PDB file of N, CA and C in Angstrom:
ATOM      1  N   MET A   1     -17.217   9.872 -10.804  1.00  0.00           N
ATOM      2  CA  MET A   1     -15.830  10.010 -10.787  1.00  0.00           C
ATOM      3  C   MET A   1     -15.404  10.665  -9.405  1.00  0.00           C
ATOM      4  N   GLU A   2     -14.285   9.993  -8.859  1.00  0.00           N
ATOM      5  CA  GLU A   2     -13.841  10.490  -7.581  1.00  0.00           C
ATOM      6  C   GLU A   2     -12.884  11.725  -7.923  1.00  0.00           C
ATOM      7  N   ALA A   3     -13.123  12.659  -6.976  1.00  0.00           N
ATOM      8  CA  ALA A   3     -12.380  13.944  -7.114  1.00  0.00           C
ATOM      9  C   ALA A   3     -11.257  13.880  -6.018  1.00  0.00           C
ATOM     10  N   PHE A   4     -10.112  14.463  -6.342  1.00  0.00           N
ATOM     11  CA  PHE A   4      -9.140  14.511  -5.488  1.00  0.00           C
ATOM     12  C   PHE A   4      -8.836  15.914  -4.997  1.00  0.00           C
ATOM     13  N   GLN A   5      -8.610  16.152  -3.703  1.00  0.00           N
ATOM     14  CA  GLN A   5      -8.572  17.517  -3.099  1.00  0.00           C
ATOM     15  C   GLN A   5      -7.034  17.781  -2.877  1.00  0.00           C
ATOM     16  N   ALA A   6      -6.605  18.946  -3.422  1.00  0.00           N
ATOM     17  CA  ALA A   6      -5.244  19.230  -3.184  1.00  0.00           C
ATOM     18  C   ALA A   6      -5.184  20.598  -2.307  1.00  0.00           C
ATOM     19  N   VAL A   7      -4.417  20.629  -1.421  1.00  0.00           N
ATOM     20  CA  VAL A   7      -4.293  21.747  -0.450  1.00  0.00           C
ATOM     21  C   VAL A   7      -3.087  22.652  -0.758  1.00  0.00           C
ATOM     22  N   VAL A   8      -3.386  23.816  -1.209  1.00  0.00           N
ATOM     23  CA  VAL A   8      -2.389  24.791  -1.749  1.00  0.00           C
ATOM     24  C   VAL A   8      -1.375  25.163  -0.582  1.00  0.00           C
ATOM     25  N   THR A   9      -1.898  25.213   0.672  1.00  0.00           N
ATOM     26  CA  THR A   9      -0.982  25.686   1.660  1.00  0.00           C
ATOM     27  C   THR A   9       0.040  24.645   2.140  1.00  0.00           C
ATOM     28  N   THR A  10      -0.348  23.252   1.955  1.00  0.00           N
ATOM     29  CA  THR A  10       0.540  22.240   2.260  1.00  0.00           C
ATOM     30  C   THR A  10       1.143  21.511   1.217  1.00  0.00           C
ATOM     31  N   GLY A  11       0.737  21.701  -0.121  1.00  0.00           N
ATOM     32  CA  GLY A  11       1.349  21.043  -1.210  1.00  0.00           C
ATOM     33  C   GLY A  11       0.907  19.601  -1.334  1.00  0.00           C
ATOM     34  N   ILE A  12      -0.114  19.139  -0.606  1.00  0.00           N
ATOM     35  CA  ILE A  12      -0.561  17.732  -0.400  1.00  0.00           C
ATOM     36  C   ILE A  12      -1.843  17.632  -1.094  1.00  0.00           C
ATOM     37  N   TYR A  13      -2.181  16.399  -1.775  1.00  0.00           N
ATOM     38  CA  TYR A  13      -3.437  16.057  -2.394  1.00  0.00           C
ATOM     39  C   TYR A  13      -3.890  14.760  -1.658  1.00  0.00           C
ATOM     40  N   CYS A  14      -5.433  14.655  -1.460  1.00  0.00           N
ATOM     41  CA  CYS A  14      -6.069  13.595  -0.715  1.00  0.00           C
ATOM     42  C   CYS A  14      -7.157  12.977  -1.432  1.00  0.00           C
ATOM     43  N   ALA A  15      -7.589  11.931  -1.305  1.00  0.00           N
ATOM     44  CA  ALA A  15      -8.851  11.369  -1.712  1.00  0.00           C
ATOM     45  C   ALA A  15      -9.922  11.747  -0.704  1.00  0.00           C
ATOM     46  N   PRO A  16     -11.269  11.909  -1.173  1.00  0.00           N
ATOM     47  CA  PRO A  16     -12.341  12.374  -0.257  1.00  0.00           C
ATOM     48  C   PRO A  16     -12.435  11.673   1.013  1.00  0.00           C
ATOM     49  N   PRO A  17     -12.249  10.349   1.220  1.00  0.00           N
ATOM     50  CA  PRO A  17     -12.455   9.815   2.547  1.00  0.00           C
ATOM     51  C   PRO A  17     -11.397  10.257   3.568  1.00  0.00           C
ATOM     52  N   CYS A  18     -10.424  10.923   3.181  1.00  0.00           N
ATOM     53  CA  CYS A  18      -9.322  11.188   4.009  1.00  0.00           C
ATOM     54  C   CYS A  18      -9.925  12.017   5.270  1.00  0.00           C
ATOM     55  N   PRO A  19      -9.377  11.761   6.517  1.00  0.00           N
ATOM     56  CA  PRO A  19     -10.006  12.390   7.636  1.00  0.00           C
ATOM     57  C   PRO A  19      -9.521  14.027   7.758  1.00  0.00           C
ATOM     58  N   GLY A  20      -8.471  14.341   7.021  1.00  0.00           N
ATOM     59  CA  GLY A  20      -7.852  15.618   7.055  1.00  0.00           C
ATOM     60  C   GLY A  20      -9.088  16.668   6.565  1.00  0.00           C
ATOM     61  N   ARG A  21      -9.167  17.827   7.179  1.00  0.00           N
ATOM     62  CA  ARG A  21     -10.184  18.752   6.645  1.00  0.00           C
ATOM     63  C   ARG A  21      -9.626  20.084   6.577  1.00  0.00           C
ATOM     64  N   PRO A  22      -9.028  20.361   5.456  1.00  0.00           N
ATOM     65  CA  PRO A  22      -8.487  21.818   5.152  1.00  0.00           C
ATOM     66  C   PRO A  22      -9.578  22.813   4.911  1.00  0.00           C
ATOM     67  N   LEU A  23      -9.191  24.116   5.173  1.00  0.00           N
ATOM     68  CA  LEU A  23     -10.144  25.084   4.724  1.00  0.00           C
ATOM     69  C   LEU A  23     -10.544  25.021   3.312  1.00  0.00           C
ATOM     70  N   THR A  24     -11.756  25.114   2.962  1.00  0.00           N
ATOM     71  CA  THR A  24     -12.214  25.261   1.685  1.00  0.00           C
ATOM     72  C   THR A  24     -11.513  26.197   0.757  1.00  0.00           C
ATOM     73  N   SER A  25     -11.234  27.239   1.280  1.00  0.00           N
ATOM     74  CA  SER A  25     -10.596  28.380   0.413  1.00  0.00           C
ATOM     75  C   SER A  25      -9.105  27.876  -0.028  1.00  0.00           C
ATOM     76  N   ASN A  26      -8.520  26.825   0.634  1.00  0.00           N
ATOM     77  CA  ASN A  26      -7.177  26.329   0.363  1.00  0.00           C
ATOM     78  C   ASN A  26      -7.069  25.207  -0.614  1.00  0.00           C
ATOM     79  N   VAL A  27      -8.286  24.681  -1.064  1.00  0.00           N
ATOM     80  CA  VAL A  27      -8.481  23.449  -1.746  1.00  0.00           C
ATOM     81  C   VAL A  27      -8.731  23.597  -3.284  1.00  0.00           C
ATOM     82  N   VAL A  28      -7.987  22.897  -4.000  1.00  0.00           N
ATOM     83  CA  VAL A  28      -8.137  22.947  -5.502  1.00  0.00           C
ATOM     84  C   VAL A  28      -8.533  21.446  -5.698  1.00  0.00           C
ATOM     85  N   THR A  29      -9.419  21.237  -6.663  1.00  0.00           N
ATOM     86  CA  THR A  29      -9.959  19.801  -7.042  1.00  0.00           C
ATOM     87  C   THR A  29      -9.364  19.439  -8.313  1.00  0.00           C
ATOM     88  N   PHE A  30      -8.974  18.091  -8.314  1.00  0.00           N
ATOM     89  CA  PHE A  30      -8.463  17.393  -9.518  1.00  0.00           C
ATOM     90  C   PHE A  30      -9.382  16.078  -9.849  1.00  0.00           C
ATOM     91  N   THR A  31      -9.354  15.851 -10.947  1.00  0.00           N
ATOM     92  CA  THR A  31     -10.133  14.530 -11.346  1.00  0.00           C
ATOM     93  C   THR A  31      -9.386  13.244 -11.181  1.00  0.00           C
ATOM     94  N   SER A  32      -7.997  13.432 -11.038  1.00  0.00           N
ATOM     95  CA  SER A  32      -7.077  12.359 -10.959  1.00  0.00           C
ATOM     96  C   SER A  32      -5.865  12.597 -10.100  1.00  0.00           C
ATOM     97  N   ALA A  33      -5.430  11.637  -9.460  1.00  0.00           N
ATOM     98  CA  ALA A  33      -4.092  11.739  -8.649  1.00  0.00           C
ATOM     99  C   ALA A  33      -2.930  12.158  -9.562  1.00  0.00           C
ATOM    100  N   ALA A  34      -2.902  11.628 -10.852  1.00  0.00           N
ATOM    101  CA  ALA A  34      -1.785  12.039 -11.681  1.00  0.00           C
ATOM    102  C   ALA A  34      -1.976  13.472 -12.106  1.00  0.00           C
ATOM    103  N   GLY A  35      -3.135  14.004 -12.181  1.00  0.00           N
ATOM    104  CA  GLY A  35      -3.260  15.478 -12.209  1.00  0.00           C
ATOM    105  C   GLY A  35      -2.876  16.261 -11.294  1.00  0.00           C
ATOM    106  N   ALA A  36      -3.058  15.935  -9.987  1.00  0.00           N
ATOM    107  CA  ALA A  36      -2.503  16.655  -8.768  1.00  0.00           C
ATOM    108  C   ALA A  36      -1.064  16.618  -8.849  1.00  0.00           C
ATOM    109  N   GLU A  37      -0.563  15.391  -9.064  1.00  0.00           N
ATOM    110  CA  GLU A  37       0.963  15.280  -9.048  1.00  0.00           C
ATOM    111  C   GLU A  37       1.580  16.091 -10.223  1.00  0.00           C
ATOM    112  N   ALA A  38       0.932  16.313 -11.259  1.00  0.00           N
ATOM    113  CA  ALA A  38       1.503  16.969 -12.433  1.00  0.00           C
ATOM    114  C   ALA A  38       1.479  18.504 -12.039  1.00  0.00           C
ATOM    115  N   ALA A  39       0.537  18.802 -11.188  1.00  0.00           N
ATOM    116  CA  ALA A  39       0.542  20.241 -10.727  1.00  0.00           C
ATOM    117  C   ALA A  39       1.482  20.577  -9.720  1.00  0.00           C
ATOM    118  N   GLY A  40       2.127  19.591  -9.148  1.00  0.00           N
ATOM    119  CA  GLY A  40       3.237  19.756  -8.136  1.00  0.00           C
ATOM    120  C   GLY A  40       2.797  19.406  -6.700  1.00  0.00           C
ATOM    121  N   PHE A  41       1.611  18.828  -6.652  1.00  0.00           N
ATOM    122  CA  PHE A  41       1.304  18.210  -5.105  1.00  0.00           C
ATOM    123  C   PHE A  41       1.806  16.755  -4.913  1.00  0.00           C
ATOM    124  N   ARG A  42       1.976  16.422  -3.766  1.00  0.00           N
ATOM    125  CA  ARG A  42       2.408  15.178  -3.415  1.00  0.00           C
ATOM    126  C   ARG A  42       1.380  14.411  -2.633  1.00  0.00           C
ATOM    127  N   ALA A  43       1.285  13.180  -2.650  1.00  0.00           N
ATOM    128  CA  ALA A  43       0.280  12.363  -1.981  1.00  0.00           C
ATOM    129  C   ALA A  43       0.201  12.392  -0.550  1.00  0.00           C
ATOM    130  N   CYS A  44      -0.811  12.379   0.020  1.00  0.00           N
ATOM    131  CA  CYS A  44      -1.098  12.404   1.443  1.00  0.00           C
ATOM    132  C   CYS A  44      -0.580  10.999   1.916  1.00  0.00           C
ATOM    133  N   HIS A  45       0.257  11.052   3.114  1.00  0.00           N
ATOM    134  CA  HIS A  45       0.693   9.721   3.581  1.00  0.00           C
ATOM    135  C   HIS A  45      -0.445   9.136   4.463  1.00  0.00           C
ATOM    136  N   ARG A  46      -1.498   9.774   4.764  1.00  0.00           N
ATOM    137  CA  ARG A  46      -2.604   9.140   5.671  1.00  0.00           C
ATOM    138  C   ARG A  46      -3.475   8.400   4.798  1.00  0.00           C
ATOM    139  N   CYS A  47      -3.933   8.942   3.811  1.00  0.00           N
ATOM    140  CA  CYS A  47      -4.954   8.308   3.006  1.00  0.00           C
ATOM    141  C   CYS A  47      -4.575   7.535   1.700  1.00  0.00           C
ATOM    142  N   ARG A  48      -3.200   7.790   1.259  1.00  0.00           N
ATOM    143  CA  ARG A  48      -2.673   7.192   0.057  1.00  0.00           C
ATOM    144  C   ARG A  48      -3.500   7.183  -1.160  1.00  0.00           C
ATOM    145  N   PRO A  49      -3.845   8.437  -1.702  1.00  0.00           N
ATOM    146  CA  PRO A  49      -4.751   8.658  -2.542  1.00  0.00           C
ATOM    147  C   PRO A  49      -4.499   7.921  -4.069  1.00  0.00           C
ATOM    148  N   TYR A  50      -3.194   7.671  -4.254  1.00  0.00           N
ATOM    149  CA  TYR A  50      -2.796   7.004  -5.527  1.00  0.00           C
ATOM    150  C   TYR A  50      -3.173   5.682  -5.723  1.00  0.00           C
ATOM    151  N   ARG A  51      -3.491   5.020  -4.591  1.00  0.00           N
ATOM    152  CA  ARG A  51      -3.997   3.554  -4.634  1.00  0.00           C
ATOM    153  C   ARG A  51      -5.276   3.397  -5.394  1.00  0.00           C
ATOM    154  N   GLY A  52      -6.209   4.321  -5.308  1.00  0.00           N
ATOM    155  CA  GLY A  52      -7.461   4.301  -5.886  1.00  0.00           C
ATOM    156  C   GLY A  52      -7.681   4.786  -7.192  1.00  0.00           C
ATOM    157  N   ASP A  53      -6.544   5.507  -7.746  1.00  0.00           N
ATOM    158  CA  ASP A  53      -6.548   6.276  -8.961  1.00  0.00           C
ATOM    159  C   ASP A  53      -6.084   5.286 -10.228  1.00  0.00           C
ATOM    160  N   ARG A  54      -6.421   4.103 -10.264  1.00  0.00           N
ATOM    161  CA  ARG A  54      -5.893   3.321 -11.316  1.00  0.00           C
ATOM    162  C   ARG A  54      -6.902   2.537 -12.034  1.00  0.00           C
ATOM    163  N   SER A  55      -6.821   2.648 -13.388  1.00  0.00           N
ATOM    164  CA  SER A  55      -7.636   1.846 -14.265  1.00  0.00           C
ATOM    165  C   SER A  55      -6.661   0.594 -14.482  1.00  0.00           C
ATOM    166  N   PRO A  56      -7.229  -0.491 -14.888  1.00  0.00           N
ATOM    167  CA  PRO A  56      -6.510  -1.650 -15.203  1.00  0.00           C
ATOM    168  C   PRO A  56      -5.579  -1.492 -16.359  1.00  0.00           C
ATOM    169  N   ALA A  57      -6.014  -0.749 -17.409  1.00  0.00           N
ATOM    170  CA  ALA A  57      -5.213  -0.637 -18.618  1.00  0.00           C
ATOM    171  C   ALA A  57      -4.049   0.419 -18.375  1.00  0.00           C
ATOM    172  N   THR A  58      -4.271   1.385 -17.474  1.00  0.00           N
ATOM    173  CA  THR A  58      -3.273   2.401 -17.277  1.00  0.00           C
ATOM    174  C   THR A  58      -2.194   1.765 -16.277  1.00  0.00           C
ATOM    175  N   SER A  59      -2.502   1.052 -15.418  1.00  0.00           N
ATOM    176  CA  SER A  59      -1.651   0.380 -14.519  1.00  0.00           C
ATOM    177  C   SER A  59      -0.819  -0.600 -15.183  1.00  0.00           C
ATOM    178  N   GLU A  60      -1.298  -1.299 -16.151  1.00  0.00           N
ATOM    179  CA  GLU A  60      -0.620  -2.396 -16.823  1.00  0.00           C
ATOM    180  C   GLU A  60       0.550  -1.535 -17.690  1.00  0.00           C
ATOM    181  N   LEU A  61       0.096  -0.581 -18.302  1.00  0.00           N
ATOM    182  CA  LEU A  61       0.987   0.170 -19.239  1.00  0.00           C
ATOM    183  C   LEU A  61       2.074   0.783 -18.491  1.00  0.00           C
ATOM    184  N   VAL A  62       1.739   1.490 -17.322  1.00  0.00           N
ATOM    185  CA  VAL A  62       2.837   2.168 -16.568  1.00  0.00           C
ATOM    186  C   VAL A  62       3.735   1.108 -15.842  1.00  0.00           C
ATOM    187  N   CYS A  63       3.256  -0.025 -15.444  1.00  0.00           N
ATOM    188  CA  CYS A  63       4.060  -0.983 -14.915  1.00  0.00           C
ATOM    189  C   CYS A  63       5.108  -1.485 -16.040  1.00  0.00           C
ATOM    190  N   ARG A  64       4.607  -1.760 -17.182  1.00  0.00           N
ATOM    191  CA  ARG A  64       5.456  -2.179 -18.315  1.00  0.00           C
ATOM    192  C   ARG A  64       6.544  -1.154 -18.605  1.00  0.00           C
ATOM    193  N   ALA A  65       6.193   0.145 -18.840  1.00  0.00           N
ATOM    194  CA  ALA A  65       6.994   1.170 -19.014  1.00  0.00           C
ATOM    195  C   ALA A  65       8.126   1.245 -17.803  1.00  0.00           C
ATOM    196  N   ILE A  66       7.792   1.165 -16.692  1.00  0.00           N
ATOM    197  CA  ILE A  66       8.846   1.189 -15.595  1.00  0.00           C
ATOM    198  C   ILE A  66       9.679  -0.020 -15.579  1.00  0.00           C
ATOM    199  N   ASP A  67       9.153  -1.182 -16.004  1.00  0.00           N
ATOM    200  CA  ASP A  67      10.034  -2.466 -16.020  1.00  0.00           C
ATOM    201  C   ASP A  67      10.975  -2.241 -17.256  1.00  0.00           C
ATOM    202  N   LEU A  68      10.577  -1.608 -18.279  1.00  0.00           N
ATOM    203  CA  LEU A  68      11.479  -1.402 -19.556  1.00  0.00           C
ATOM    204  C   LEU A  68      12.599  -0.366 -19.135  1.00  0.00           C
ATOM    205  N   ILE A  69      12.301   0.778 -18.383  1.00  0.00           N
ATOM    206  CA  ILE A  69      13.180   1.687 -18.131  1.00  0.00           C
ATOM    207  C   ILE A  69      14.129   1.132 -16.965  1.00  0.00           C
ATOM    208  N   ALA A  70      13.649   0.297 -16.099  1.00  0.00           N
ATOM    209  CA  ALA A  70      14.653  -0.360 -15.050  1.00  0.00           C
ATOM    210  C   ALA A  70      15.537  -1.249 -15.767  1.00  0.00           C
ATOM    211  N   ALA A  71      15.099  -1.902 -16.953  1.00  0.00           N
ATOM    212  CA  ALA A  71      15.985  -2.833 -17.702  1.00  0.00           C
ATOM    213  C   ALA A  71      16.919  -2.066 -18.595  1.00  0.00           C
ATOM    214  N   GLY A  72      16.869  -0.716 -18.632  1.00  0.00           N
ATOM    215  CA  GLY A  72      17.842   0.032 -19.453  1.00  0.00           C
ATOM    216  C   GLY A  72      17.367   0.462 -20.745  1.00  0.00           C
ATOM    217  N   ALA A  73      16.046   0.512 -20.940  1.00  0.00           N
ATOM    218  CA  ALA A  73      15.551   0.812 -22.306  1.00  0.00           C
ATOM    219  C   ALA A  73      15.869   2.257 -22.703  1.00  0.00           C
ATOM    220  N   LEU A  74      16.109   3.163 -21.733  1.00  0.00           N
ATOM    221  CA  LEU A  74      16.243   4.417 -22.130  1.00  0.00           C
ATOM    222  C   LEU A  74      17.865   4.675 -22.375  1.00  0.00           C
ATOM    223  N   ASP A  75      18.672   3.704 -22.194  1.00  0.00           N
ATOM    224  CA  ASP A  75      20.139   3.688 -22.468  1.00  0.00           C
ATOM    225  C   ASP A  75      20.323   3.637 -23.980  1.00  0.00           C
ATOM    226  N   GLU A  76      19.409   3.070 -24.546  1.00  0.00           N
ATOM    227  CA  GLU A  76      19.614   2.860 -26.074  1.00  0.00           C
ATOM    228  C   GLU A  76      18.616   3.676 -26.958  1.00  0.00           C
ATOM    229  N   THR A  77      17.682   4.243 -26.245  1.00  0.00           N
ATOM    230  CA  THR A  77      16.735   5.069 -27.009  1.00  0.00           C
ATOM    231  C   THR A  77      16.294   6.234 -26.237  1.00  0.00           C
ATOM    232  N   ASP A  78      15.454   7.057 -26.909  1.00  0.00           N
ATOM    233  CA  ASP A  78      14.822   8.093 -26.176  1.00  0.00           C
ATOM    234  C   ASP A  78      13.406   7.894 -25.726  1.00  0.00           C
ATOM    235  N   GLU A  79      12.598   8.877 -25.198  1.00  0.00           N
ATOM    236  CA  GLU A  79      11.276   8.649 -24.883  1.00  0.00           C
ATOM    237  C   GLU A  79      10.314   8.203 -25.808  1.00  0.00           C
ATOM    238  N   ALA A  80      10.556   8.730 -27.138  1.00  0.00           N
ATOM    239  CA  ALA A  80       9.804   8.324 -28.235  1.00  0.00           C
ATOM    240  C   ALA A  80      10.047   6.880 -28.630  1.00  0.00           C
ATOM    241  N   GLY A  81      11.215   6.421 -28.425  1.00  0.00           N
ATOM    242  CA  GLY A  81      11.464   4.976 -28.765  1.00  0.00           C
ATOM    243  C   GLY A  81      10.850   4.065 -27.661  1.00  0.00           C
ATOM    244  N   LEU A  82      10.897   4.582 -26.319  1.00  0.00           N
ATOM    245  CA  LEU A  82      10.225   3.849 -25.368  1.00  0.00           C
ATOM    246  C   LEU A  82       8.845   3.697 -25.632  1.00  0.00           C
ATOM    247  N   ALA A  83       8.155   4.861 -25.931  1.00  0.00           N
ATOM    248  CA  ALA A  83       6.694   4.875 -26.430  1.00  0.00           C
ATOM    249  C   ALA A  83       6.220   3.972 -27.399  1.00  0.00           C
ATOM    250  N   ALA A  84       7.121   3.833 -28.564  1.00  0.00           N
ATOM    251  CA  ALA A  84       6.831   2.972 -29.538  1.00  0.00           C
ATOM    252  C   ALA A  84       6.910   1.568 -29.138  1.00  0.00           C
TER     253      ALA A  84
END
């Protein structure tokens, strides 16, 4: 499993192949890009780590949810209704 490195001093997270080399003492590791974002880090613009953090099932589900939200699904229901 690929680990994502988040740099606490910059607030950015990267995928391991990124050429950026932060100090080890400033790095926190996450197992997913989503976990790093949930912790308040933003994606590195150099390596674009979110591109590799997708499983086909998750991507399809997320895309469907976004399409429903864009179509106004949350205008008529709440998050629980969207999930159903």
